[in-house]
Amino acid sequence: MKKILIIEDDKILQKALNEALSEAGFKIILASDGDEGIQKAKSEKPDLILLDIILPGKNGYNVLLAFSDDDSLKNIPVIMLTVIDSEFSVETCKEAGVKDYLVKSDYSLDEVIKKINKYI
């Protein structure tokens, strides 16, 4: 069973993603802030990470940089799932190695699952 780490502080979205991805056959690991996300990525070694940008503590950009600086984490595919819809943010994340950048309001849960399946 493939493991997905969801780093998201919005409890409602976290629950919806957890339920939809569990039903799709994935094992889900949840983190509510950047520091917890980094620790769980190190301990759980997920197959893919869904990462929000706006997080308590370390934001998504800083989490992404921490992943790229860690040899044990830098090859795990990361998909940004955020409300930030700016070209600068997209480019910054892509330069840091993000596989895909999804604006929350533009994607349904089914579409997010399709994107995940593309990289896992």
N, C-alpha and C. Protein backbone atom coordinates (compact mmCIF):
# COMPACT_ATOMS: atom_id res chain seq x y z
N MET A 1 0.85 -1.18 0.00
CA MET A 1 0.00 0.00 0.00
C MET A 1 0.90 1.25 0.00
N LYS A 2 0.66 2.15 -0.93
CA LYS A 2 1.45 3.37 -1.05
C LYS A 2 1.05 4.35 0.06
N LYS A 3 2.07 5.03 0.61
CA LYS A 3 1.84 5.99 1.69
C LYS A 3 1.91 7.42 1.17
N ILE A 4 0.94 8.21 1.60
CA ILE A 4 0.91 9.63 1.25
C ILE A 4 0.91 10.44 2.54
N LEU A 5 1.84 11.38 2.60
CA LEU A 5 1.88 12.32 3.72
C LEU A 5 1.15 13.59 3.29
N ILE A 6 0.14 13.97 4.06
CA ILE A 6 -0.61 15.20 3.80
C ILE A 6 -0.20 16.22 4.86
N ILE A 7 0.43 17.31 4.40
CA ILE A 7 0.83 18.39 5.31
C ILE A 7 -0.13 19.55 5.05
N GLU A 8 -1.13 19.65 5.90
CA GLU A 8 -2.25 20.58 5.71
C GLU A 8 -2.81 20.96 7.06
N ASP A 9 -2.98 22.26 7.31
CA ASP A 9 -3.50 22.69 8.62
C ASP A 9 -5.01 22.85 8.65
N ASP A 10 -5.67 22.90 7.52
CA ASP A 10 -7.13 23.03 7.47
C ASP A 10 -7.73 21.65 7.79
N LYS A 11 -8.33 21.52 8.98
CA LYS A 11 -8.83 20.23 9.45
C LYS A 11 -9.92 19.66 8.56
N ILE A 12 -10.77 20.50 8.00
CA ILE A 12 -11.85 20.02 7.13
C ILE A 12 -11.27 19.44 5.85
N LEU A 13 -10.34 20.15 5.23
CA LEU A 13 -9.71 19.64 4.01
C LEU A 13 -8.86 18.40 4.32
N GLN A 14 -8.17 18.43 5.45
CA GLN A 14 -7.34 17.29 5.86
C GLN A 14 -8.22 16.04 5.97
N LYS A 15 -9.39 16.18 6.60
CA LYS A 15 -10.30 15.05 6.77
C LYS A 15 -10.84 14.57 5.42
N ALA A 16 -11.21 15.50 4.54
CA ALA A 16 -11.74 15.14 3.23
C ALA A 16 -10.68 14.40 2.39
N LEU A 17 -9.46 14.92 2.41
CA LEU A 17 -8.37 14.26 1.67
C LEU A 17 -8.09 12.88 2.26
N ASN A 18 -8.06 12.79 3.58
CA ASN A 18 -7.81 11.52 4.26
C ASN A 18 -8.85 10.48 3.84
N GLU A 19 -10.11 10.86 3.87
CA GLU A 19 -11.17 9.91 3.52
C GLU A 19 -11.10 9.50 2.05
N ALA A 20 -10.95 10.48 1.16
CA ALA A 20 -10.93 10.19 -0.28
C ALA A 20 -9.72 9.34 -0.66
N LEU A 21 -8.57 9.67 -0.12
CA LEU A 21 -7.36 8.93 -0.47
C LEU A 21 -7.33 7.55 0.18
N SER A 22 -7.88 7.43 1.37
CA SER A 22 -7.98 6.11 2.01
C SER A 22 -8.88 5.20 1.18
N GLU A 23 -10.02 5.75 0.73
CA GLU A 23 -10.94 4.98 -0.11
C GLU A 23 -10.29 4.59 -1.44
N ALA A 24 -9.34 5.41 -1.91
CA ALA A 24 -8.64 5.11 -3.17
C ALA A 24 -7.51 4.10 -2.96
N GLY A 25 -7.31 3.65 -1.71
CA GLY A 25 -6.35 2.58 -1.45
C GLY A 25 -5.00 3.02 -0.94
N PHE A 26 -4.88 4.27 -0.51
CA PHE A 26 -3.60 4.76 0.01
C PHE A 26 -3.60 4.74 1.54
N LYS A 27 -2.41 4.55 2.12
CA LYS A 27 -2.23 4.73 3.56
C LYS A 27 -1.90 6.21 3.77
N ILE A 28 -2.60 6.86 4.67
CA ILE A 28 -2.46 8.30 4.86
C ILE A 28 -1.75 8.60 6.17
N ILE A 29 -0.83 9.55 6.09
CA ILE A 29 -0.13 10.09 7.25
C ILE A 29 -0.47 11.58 7.27
N LEU A 30 -0.86 12.09 8.42
CA LEU A 30 -1.28 13.49 8.52
C LEU A 30 -0.31 14.31 9.35
N ALA A 31 -0.09 15.55 8.90
CA ALA A 31 0.69 16.52 9.66
C ALA A 31 -0.01 17.87 9.53
N SER A 32 -0.05 18.62 10.62
CA SER A 32 -0.79 19.89 10.63
C SER A 32 0.09 21.13 10.54
N ASP A 33 1.41 20.95 10.60
CA ASP A 33 2.31 22.10 10.44
C ASP A 33 3.60 21.65 9.78
N GLY A 34 4.42 22.61 9.40
CA GLY A 34 5.63 22.31 8.65
C GLY A 34 6.62 21.45 9.40
N ASP A 35 6.86 21.76 10.66
CA ASP A 35 7.84 20.99 11.44
C ASP A 35 7.39 19.53 11.61
N GLU A 36 6.12 19.35 11.92
CA GLU A 36 5.58 18.00 12.06
C GLU A 36 5.68 17.26 10.72
N GLY A 37 5.43 17.97 9.62
CA GLY A 37 5.53 17.36 8.29
C GLY A 37 6.92 16.86 7.98
N ILE A 38 7.93 17.66 8.32
CA ILE A 38 9.31 17.25 8.09
C ILE A 38 9.64 16.01 8.92
N GLN A 39 9.25 16.01 10.19
CA GLN A 39 9.53 14.87 11.06
C GLN A 39 8.83 13.60 10.56
N LYS A 40 7.58 13.73 10.15
CA LYS A 40 6.85 12.55 9.67
C LYS A 40 7.40 12.06 8.34
N ALA A 41 7.86 12.98 7.50
CA ALA A 41 8.48 12.56 6.24
C ALA A 41 9.74 11.74 6.52
N LYS A 42 10.53 12.17 7.50
CA LYS A 42 11.75 11.45 7.86
C LYS A 42 11.45 10.08 8.47
N SER A 43 10.46 10.02 9.34
CA SER A 43 10.18 8.77 10.04
C SER A 43 9.35 7.79 9.22
N GLU A 44 8.44 8.29 8.38
CA GLU A 44 7.50 7.43 7.66
C GLU A 44 7.93 7.12 6.22
N LYS A 45 8.81 7.92 5.65
CA LYS A 45 9.26 7.74 4.26
C LYS A 45 8.08 7.51 3.31
N PRO A 46 7.22 8.52 3.15
CA PRO A 46 6.05 8.34 2.28
C PRO A 46 6.46 8.20 0.80
N ASP A 47 5.53 7.71 0.01
CA ASP A 47 5.76 7.58 -1.43
C ASP A 47 5.47 8.88 -2.16
N LEU A 48 4.67 9.76 -1.53
CA LEU A 48 4.34 11.06 -2.11
C LEU A 48 3.90 11.98 -0.98
N ILE A 49 4.13 13.29 -1.18
CA ILE A 49 3.75 14.28 -0.17
C ILE A 49 2.84 15.32 -0.82
N LEU A 50 1.69 15.57 -0.19
CA LEU A 50 0.82 16.70 -0.54
C LEU A 50 1.14 17.80 0.45
N LEU A 51 1.52 18.96 -0.05
CA LEU A 51 2.03 20.03 0.81
C LEU A 51 1.32 21.35 0.56
N ASP A 52 0.81 21.94 1.62
CA ASP A 52 0.23 23.28 1.55
C ASP A 52 1.35 24.30 1.75
N ILE A 53 1.15 25.52 1.29
CA ILE A 53 2.15 26.57 1.49
C ILE A 53 1.91 27.31 2.80
N ILE A 54 0.66 27.66 3.07
CA ILE A 54 0.35 28.43 4.27
C ILE A 54 0.15 27.45 5.43
N LEU A 55 1.16 27.40 6.30
CA LEU A 55 1.15 26.47 7.42
C LEU A 55 1.66 27.17 8.67
N PRO A 56 1.24 26.71 9.86
CA PRO A 56 1.85 27.23 11.09
C PRO A 56 3.31 26.79 11.17
N GLY A 57 4.12 27.56 11.84
CA GLY A 57 5.54 27.23 11.94
C GLY A 57 6.21 27.42 10.59
N LYS A 58 6.96 26.42 10.15
CA LYS A 58 7.59 26.49 8.84
C LYS A 58 6.52 26.47 7.75
N ASN A 59 6.59 27.42 6.82
CA ASN A 59 5.62 27.40 5.71
C ASN A 59 6.05 26.35 4.67
N GLY A 60 5.19 26.14 3.69
CA GLY A 60 5.44 25.12 2.69
C GLY A 60 6.73 25.32 1.90
N TYR A 61 7.09 26.57 1.63
CA TYR A 61 8.35 26.83 0.92
C TYR A 61 9.53 26.33 1.75
N ASN A 62 9.53 26.63 3.05
CA ASN A 62 10.63 26.20 3.92
C ASN A 62 10.66 24.68 4.09
N VAL A 63 9.49 24.07 4.13
CA VAL A 63 9.42 22.61 4.21
C VAL A 63 10.01 22.01 2.94
N LEU A 64 9.64 22.56 1.82
CA LEU A 64 10.15 22.09 0.53
C LEU A 64 11.67 22.19 0.47
N LEU A 65 12.22 23.30 0.95
CA LEU A 65 13.68 23.46 0.99
C LEU A 65 14.32 22.44 1.91
N ALA A 66 13.68 22.16 3.05
CA ALA A 66 14.21 21.15 3.97
C ALA A 66 14.24 19.78 3.29
N PHE A 67 13.20 19.46 2.52
CA PHE A 67 13.17 18.18 1.79
C PHE A 67 14.31 18.13 0.77
N SER A 68 14.50 19.20 0.02
CA SER A 68 15.52 19.18 -1.03
C SER A 68 16.93 19.14 -0.48
N ASP A 69 17.11 19.56 0.78
CA ASP A 69 18.43 19.51 1.43
C ASP A 69 18.71 18.17 2.10
N ASP A 70 17.74 17.28 2.16
CA ASP A 70 17.88 16.01 2.86
C ASP A 70 17.92 14.87 1.83
N ASP A 71 19.05 14.17 1.77
CA ASP A 71 19.21 13.10 0.79
C ASP A 71 18.16 12.01 0.90
N SER A 72 17.65 11.78 2.10
CA SER A 72 16.65 10.72 2.28
C SER A 72 15.24 11.17 1.86
N LEU A 73 15.05 12.47 1.64
CA LEU A 73 13.72 12.99 1.31
C LEU A 73 13.63 13.62 -0.08
N LYS A 74 14.75 14.03 -0.63
CA LYS A 74 14.71 14.87 -1.83
C LYS A 74 14.12 14.18 -3.07
N ASN A 75 14.06 12.86 -3.08
CA ASN A 75 13.50 12.17 -4.24
C ASN A 75 12.04 11.77 -4.09
N ILE A 76 11.43 12.12 -2.95
CA ILE A 76 10.00 11.85 -2.76
C ILE A 76 9.21 12.90 -3.55
N PRO A 77 8.30 12.47 -4.43
CA PRO A 77 7.52 13.44 -5.19
C PRO A 77 6.66 14.31 -4.27
N VAL A 78 6.64 15.61 -4.54
CA VAL A 78 5.83 16.56 -3.77
C VAL A 78 4.86 17.25 -4.71
N ILE A 79 3.60 17.29 -4.31
CA ILE A 79 2.57 18.05 -5.01
C ILE A 79 2.12 19.16 -4.08
N MET A 80 2.23 20.39 -4.53
CA MET A 80 1.72 21.52 -3.75
C MET A 80 0.21 21.56 -3.95
N LEU A 81 -0.52 21.74 -2.86
CA LEU A 81 -1.97 21.89 -2.88
C LEU A 81 -2.27 23.10 -2.01
N THR A 82 -2.55 24.23 -2.65
CA THR A 82 -2.58 25.50 -1.94
C THR A 82 -3.64 26.44 -2.49
N VAL A 83 -3.94 27.49 -1.75
CA VAL A 83 -4.85 28.53 -2.24
C VAL A 83 -4.09 29.61 -3.00
N ILE A 84 -2.77 29.61 -2.90
CA ILE A 84 -1.96 30.66 -3.53
C ILE A 84 -1.89 30.42 -5.03
N ASP A 85 -2.44 31.36 -5.77
CA ASP A 85 -2.49 31.26 -7.23
C ASP A 85 -1.67 32.39 -7.82
N SER A 86 -0.35 32.23 -7.78
CA SER A 86 0.51 33.26 -8.37
C SER A 86 1.62 32.61 -9.17
N GLU A 87 1.98 33.24 -10.27
CA GLU A 87 3.03 32.72 -11.13
C GLU A 87 4.35 32.61 -10.38
N PHE A 88 4.64 33.59 -9.52
CA PHE A 88 5.87 33.57 -8.73
C PHE A 88 5.92 32.33 -7.84
N SER A 89 4.82 32.03 -7.17
CA SER A 89 4.77 30.87 -6.29
C SER A 89 4.94 29.58 -7.08
N VAL A 90 4.27 29.48 -8.21
CA VAL A 90 4.39 28.29 -9.05
C VAL A 90 5.84 28.10 -9.46
N GLU A 91 6.47 29.16 -9.97
CA GLU A 91 7.86 29.07 -10.43
C GLU A 91 8.82 28.73 -9.28
N THR A 92 8.62 29.36 -8.13
CA THR A 92 9.47 29.10 -6.97
C THR A 92 9.40 27.63 -6.57
N CYS A 93 8.20 27.09 -6.54
CA CYS A 93 8.02 25.69 -6.15
C CYS A 93 8.58 24.74 -7.20
N LYS A 94 8.35 25.04 -8.47
CA LYS A 94 8.87 24.18 -9.54
C LYS A 94 10.40 24.16 -9.51
N GLU A 95 11.00 25.33 -9.27
CA GLU A 95 12.47 25.39 -9.19
C GLU A 95 13.00 24.56 -8.03
N ALA A 96 12.19 24.43 -6.97
CA ALA A 96 12.59 23.64 -5.80
C ALA A 96 12.28 22.15 -5.97
N GLY A 97 11.73 21.77 -7.12
CA GLY A 97 11.54 20.36 -7.42
C GLY A 97 10.14 19.80 -7.29
N VAL A 98 9.14 20.66 -7.10
CA VAL A 98 7.76 20.18 -6.99
C VAL A 98 7.32 19.53 -8.31
N LYS A 99 6.64 18.40 -8.18
CA LYS A 99 6.16 17.69 -9.37
C LYS A 99 4.95 18.38 -9.99
N ASP A 100 4.07 18.91 -9.14
CA ASP A 100 2.88 19.58 -9.63
C ASP A 100 2.43 20.63 -8.63
N TYR A 101 1.69 21.61 -9.12
CA TYR A 101 1.23 22.72 -8.30
C TYR A 101 -0.27 22.86 -8.55
N LEU A 102 -1.06 22.57 -7.54
CA LEU A 102 -2.52 22.60 -7.67
C LEU A 102 -3.11 23.68 -6.78
N VAL A 103 -3.93 24.52 -7.37
CA VAL A 103 -4.67 25.52 -6.60
C VAL A 103 -5.96 24.84 -6.13
N LYS A 104 -6.19 24.85 -4.84
CA LYS A 104 -7.28 24.09 -4.22
C LYS A 104 -8.63 24.31 -4.90
N SER A 105 -8.93 25.56 -5.22
CA SER A 105 -10.25 25.86 -5.78
C SER A 105 -10.43 25.34 -7.20
N ASP A 106 -9.34 24.94 -7.86
CA ASP A 106 -9.41 24.51 -9.25
C ASP A 106 -9.51 22.99 -9.42
N TYR A 107 -9.41 22.23 -8.32
CA TYR A 107 -9.36 20.77 -8.43
C TYR A 107 -10.33 20.09 -7.47
N SER A 108 -11.02 19.07 -7.99
CA SER A 108 -11.86 18.23 -7.13
C SER A 108 -10.98 17.16 -6.49
N LEU A 109 -11.52 16.48 -5.50
CA LEU A 109 -10.76 15.40 -4.86
C LEU A 109 -10.41 14.31 -5.87
N ASP A 110 -11.32 14.00 -6.79
CA ASP A 110 -11.03 13.00 -7.82
C ASP A 110 -9.86 13.43 -8.71
N GLU A 111 -9.82 14.71 -9.04
CA GLU A 111 -8.72 15.22 -9.87
C GLU A 111 -7.39 15.18 -9.12
N VAL A 112 -7.44 15.45 -7.82
CA VAL A 112 -6.22 15.37 -6.99
C VAL A 112 -5.73 13.92 -6.98
N ILE A 113 -6.63 12.96 -6.85
CA ILE A 113 -6.26 11.54 -6.85
C ILE A 113 -5.62 11.17 -8.18
N LYS A 114 -6.16 11.66 -9.29
CA LYS A 114 -5.57 11.38 -10.61
C LYS A 114 -4.15 11.92 -10.70
N LYS A 115 -3.95 13.11 -10.16
CA LYS A 115 -2.59 13.70 -10.16
C LYS A 115 -1.64 12.85 -9.32
N ILE A 116 -2.11 12.41 -8.16
CA ILE A 116 -1.29 11.56 -7.29
C ILE A 116 -0.89 10.28 -8.02
N ASN A 117 -1.86 9.66 -8.67
CA ASN A 117 -1.58 8.40 -9.38
C ASN A 117 -0.58 8.61 -10.51
N LYS A 118 -0.51 9.80 -11.04
CA LYS A 118 0.46 10.10 -12.11
C LYS A 118 1.90 10.03 -11.60
N TYR A 119 2.12 10.34 -10.32
CA TYR A 119 3.48 10.41 -9.77
C TYR A 119 3.86 9.28 -8.84
N ILE A 120 2.93 8.39 -8.57
CA ILE A 120 3.21 7.28 -7.62
C ILE A 120 3.37 5.98 -8.38
